[in-house]
Amino acid sequence: MLFYGLEVLLPFTAASMLMVYINVQQRQVTRDALTGLNNRRRLEQYLLELDDQNWGSDSCHLMLLDVNRFKKINDMFGHVTGDHVLKLIADQLKKTFGNTRSFLARYGGDEFVIILKGKTDEEVEDAISTLREGIAKMNWGEGSPWKISISVGCARYGEVLMHTSKELLNLADARMYEEKKRNR
């Protein structure tokens, strides 16, 4: 009597455990291990989803962010410090964009992508300013041998004739490099 129904309960328990395992594995496949943000693979999937939806009726901004002089930080202070800087940037991205309709991803190396939906150009500019202010506060005091700063390129879907997310990403990339050149 003590084990009545156990033969029915065991398969459901096993199936539940398998579903949890698959969910954990899926997250590991789509998350960047260092920052906890979406990885490039998930970004590419998301962009394809947006292309399939024709980007919807909401405004959609894509921002490409690059950490300025990151190679110098790695070379002078080591990769452990470089990894720490990337984690700090990711944390600031989460603080700035966490309560918005946004998609955050590590694009590669020291580059990140933010896709923000439903905001005006002015609201996006305000968010970028807030992000820059947060990053400026991360710098380690007076006399610090380096300062963390970023360059951001932003493109809004529909501002120029574009048909794909790749074109939008290329425009944001070009604008980011323009800003990088101005900041040198």
Protein backbone atom coordinates (compact mmCIF):
# COMPACT_ATOMS: atom_id res chain seq x y z
CA MET A 1 0.00 0.00 0.00
CA LEU A 2 2.90 2.33 0.74
CA PHE A 3 4.11 2.35 -2.89
CA TYR A 4 0.69 2.45 -4.56
CA GLY A 5 0.88 4.62 -7.71
CA LEU A 6 4.67 4.75 -7.67
CA GLU A 7 4.87 3.14 -11.12
CA VAL A 8 2.87 6.12 -12.46
CA LEU A 9 4.76 8.78 -10.51
CA LEU A 10 8.26 7.67 -11.56
CA PRO A 11 7.87 8.32 -15.33
CA PHE A 12 6.42 11.79 -14.67
CA THR A 13 9.27 12.60 -12.30
CA ALA A 14 11.83 11.41 -14.85
CA ALA A 15 10.15 13.44 -17.60
CA SER A 16 10.16 16.55 -15.38
CA MET A 17 13.84 16.13 -14.59
CA LEU A 18 14.61 15.69 -18.29
CA MET A 19 12.75 18.90 -19.13
CA VAL A 20 14.69 20.83 -16.48
CA TYR A 21 17.97 19.40 -17.81
CA ILE A 22 17.11 20.36 -21.40
CA ASN A 23 16.18 23.88 -20.26
CA VAL A 24 19.50 24.29 -18.42
CA GLN A 25 21.42 23.01 -21.46
CA GLN A 26 19.54 25.40 -23.77
CA ARG A 27 20.47 28.34 -21.54
CA GLN A 28 24.11 27.32 -21.60
CA VAL A 29 24.04 27.22 -25.39
CA THR A 30 22.58 30.74 -25.70
CA ARG A 31 24.32 32.53 -22.80
CA ASP A 32 27.77 34.04 -22.74
CA ALA A 33 29.60 32.24 -19.93
CA LEU A 34 31.57 35.30 -18.81
CA THR A 35 28.91 38.02 -18.77
CA GLY A 36 25.64 36.10 -18.46
CA LEU A 37 24.23 38.04 -21.42
CA ASN A 38 22.91 36.43 -24.57
CA ASN A 39 25.71 35.17 -26.80
CA ARG A 40 26.26 35.81 -30.48
CA ARG A 41 24.43 32.64 -31.50
CA ARG A 42 21.31 33.78 -29.66
CA LEU A 43 21.69 37.29 -31.11
CA GLU A 44 21.72 35.88 -34.63
CA GLN A 45 18.59 33.82 -33.85
CA TYR A 46 16.86 36.90 -32.45
CA LEU A 47 17.75 39.00 -35.48
CA LEU A 48 16.33 36.32 -37.78
CA GLU A 49 13.13 36.35 -35.70
CA LEU A 50 12.92 40.13 -36.11
CA ASP A 51 13.50 39.83 -39.87
CA ASP A 52 10.70 37.27 -40.06
CA GLN A 53 8.37 39.62 -38.15
CA ASN A 54 9.29 42.58 -40.37
CA TRP A 55 10.47 44.25 -37.16
CA GLY A 56 6.90 44.87 -35.98
CA SER A 57 5.14 48.21 -35.66
CA ASP A 58 7.21 49.47 -32.71
CA SER A 59 10.31 51.53 -33.17
CA CYS A 60 13.43 49.42 -32.89
CA HIS A 61 16.94 50.69 -32.21
CA LEU A 62 20.07 48.58 -32.51
CA MET A 63 23.17 49.78 -30.67
CA LEU A 64 26.66 48.37 -31.02
CA LEU A 65 28.95 49.16 -28.09
CA ASP A 66 32.73 48.79 -27.95
CA VAL A 67 35.02 49.25 -24.95
CA ASN A 68 37.64 51.85 -25.86
CA ARG A 69 41.29 50.80 -25.59
CA PHE A 70 40.32 47.38 -24.24
CA LYS A 71 43.39 45.71 -25.74
CA LYS A 72 45.58 48.09 -23.74
CA ILE A 73 43.79 47.10 -20.53
CA ASN A 74 44.35 43.41 -21.33
CA ASP A 75 47.99 43.97 -22.27
CA MET A 76 48.87 46.13 -19.25
CA PHE A 77 46.80 44.52 -16.50
CA GLY A 78 46.14 40.99 -17.77
CA HIS A 79 43.18 39.03 -18.99
CA VAL A 80 41.72 38.56 -15.51
CA THR A 81 41.33 42.35 -15.25
CA GLY A 82 40.00 42.46 -18.82
CA ASP A 83 37.39 39.84 -17.95
CA HIS A 84 36.46 41.84 -14.86
CA VAL A 85 35.95 44.95 -17.02
CA LEU A 86 33.68 42.99 -19.38
CA LYS A 87 31.61 41.76 -16.42
CA LEU A 88 31.32 45.34 -15.13
CA ILE A 89 30.15 46.54 -18.54
CA ALA A 90 27.58 43.72 -18.72
CA ASP A 91 26.32 44.58 -15.22
CA GLN A 92 25.93 48.22 -16.22
CA LEU A 93 24.04 47.19 -19.36
CA LYS A 94 21.67 45.14 -17.20
CA LYS A 95 21.18 48.08 -14.80
CA THR A 96 20.54 50.54 -17.60
CA PHE A 97 18.36 48.42 -19.87
CA GLY A 98 17.08 45.69 -17.54
CA ASN A 99 13.59 47.15 -17.05
CA THR A 100 13.00 47.93 -20.71
CA ARG A 101 11.95 45.97 -23.75
CA SER A 102 15.52 45.22 -24.66
CA PHE A 103 17.72 42.41 -25.85
CA LEU A 104 21.31 42.41 -24.59
CA ALA A 105 24.10 40.31 -26.07
CA ARG A 106 27.84 40.01 -26.09
CA TYR A 107 28.71 40.28 -29.76
CA GLY A 108 32.31 39.21 -29.39
CA GLY A 109 35.43 40.25 -27.53
CA ASP A 110 34.69 43.67 -26.07
CA GLU A 111 31.64 44.42 -28.23
CA PHE A 112 28.03 44.28 -27.08
CA VAL A 113 24.68 44.67 -28.86
CA ILE A 114 21.58 46.28 -27.38
CA ILE A 115 18.28 46.04 -29.23
CA LEU A 116 15.72 48.39 -27.75
CA LYS A 117 12.09 48.37 -28.81
CA GLY A 118 9.33 50.92 -28.32
CA LYS A 119 11.50 53.97 -27.53
CA THR A 120 11.89 57.31 -29.24
CA ASP A 121 15.25 58.55 -30.50
CA GLU A 122 15.42 60.93 -27.51
CA GLU A 123 14.71 58.14 -25.01
CA VAL A 124 17.44 56.03 -26.58
CA GLU A 125 19.90 58.94 -26.38
CA ASP A 126 18.97 59.38 -22.69
CA ALA A 127 19.57 55.68 -22.07
CA ILE A 128 22.99 55.87 -23.75
CA SER A 129 23.86 58.89 -21.56
CA THR A 130 22.76 56.97 -18.47
CA LEU A 131 24.92 54.04 -19.56
CA ARG A 132 27.95 56.30 -20.07
CA GLU A 133 27.44 57.89 -16.65
CA GLY A 134 27.22 54.47 -15.01
CA ILE A 135 30.39 53.33 -16.73
CA ALA A 136 32.20 56.54 -15.74
CA LYS A 137 31.37 55.76 -12.09
CA MET A 138 33.05 52.38 -12.45
CA ASN A 139 36.46 53.95 -12.95
CA TRP A 140 38.66 53.26 -9.98
CA GLY A 141 39.34 56.56 -8.30
CA GLU A 142 41.84 59.36 -8.76
CA GLY A 143 45.18 58.30 -10.16
CA SER A 144 43.78 55.16 -11.74
CA PRO A 145 46.12 54.07 -14.54
CA TRP A 146 43.19 53.71 -16.95
CA LYS A 147 39.60 54.74 -17.44
CA ILE A 148 36.79 52.66 -18.88
CA SER A 149 34.95 54.37 -21.72
CA ILE A 150 32.79 53.20 -24.58
CA SER A 151 31.92 54.05 -28.14
CA VAL A 152 28.34 53.44 -29.24
CA GLY A 153 26.83 53.32 -32.70
CA CYS A 154 23.06 53.42 -32.93
CA ALA A 155 20.72 52.80 -35.85
CA ARG A 156 16.92 52.85 -35.91
CA TYR A 157 15.06 50.48 -38.13
CA GLY A 158 13.36 52.52 -40.84
CA GLU A 159 15.57 55.63 -40.62
CA VAL A 160 17.09 54.72 -43.98
CA LEU A 161 16.06 52.16 -46.53
CA MET A 162 17.06 48.84 -44.97
CA HIS A 163 15.51 45.44 -45.38
CA THR A 164 17.47 43.21 -43.01
CA SER A 165 18.93 43.17 -39.54
CA LYS A 166 22.38 42.71 -41.09
CA GLU A 167 22.06 46.10 -42.79
CA LEU A 168 20.97 47.67 -39.49
CA LEU A 169 23.90 46.07 -37.67
CA ASN A 170 26.31 47.30 -40.37
CA LEU A 171 24.98 50.87 -39.99
CA ALA A 172 25.36 50.76 -36.19
CA ASP A 173 28.88 49.34 -36.64
CA ALA A 174 29.87 52.16 -39.02
CA ARG A 175 28.54 54.76 -36.58
CA MET A 176 30.39 53.15 -33.69
CA TYR A 177 33.68 53.35 -35.59
CA GLU A 178 32.97 57.00 -36.47
CA GLU A 179 32.60 57.74 -32.75
CA LYS A 180 35.76 55.77 -31.96
CA LYS A 181 37.72 57.88 -34.44
CA ARG A 182 36.36 61.10 -32.90
CA ASN A 183 37.36 59.94 -29.38
CA ARG A 184 41.01 59.18 -30.22
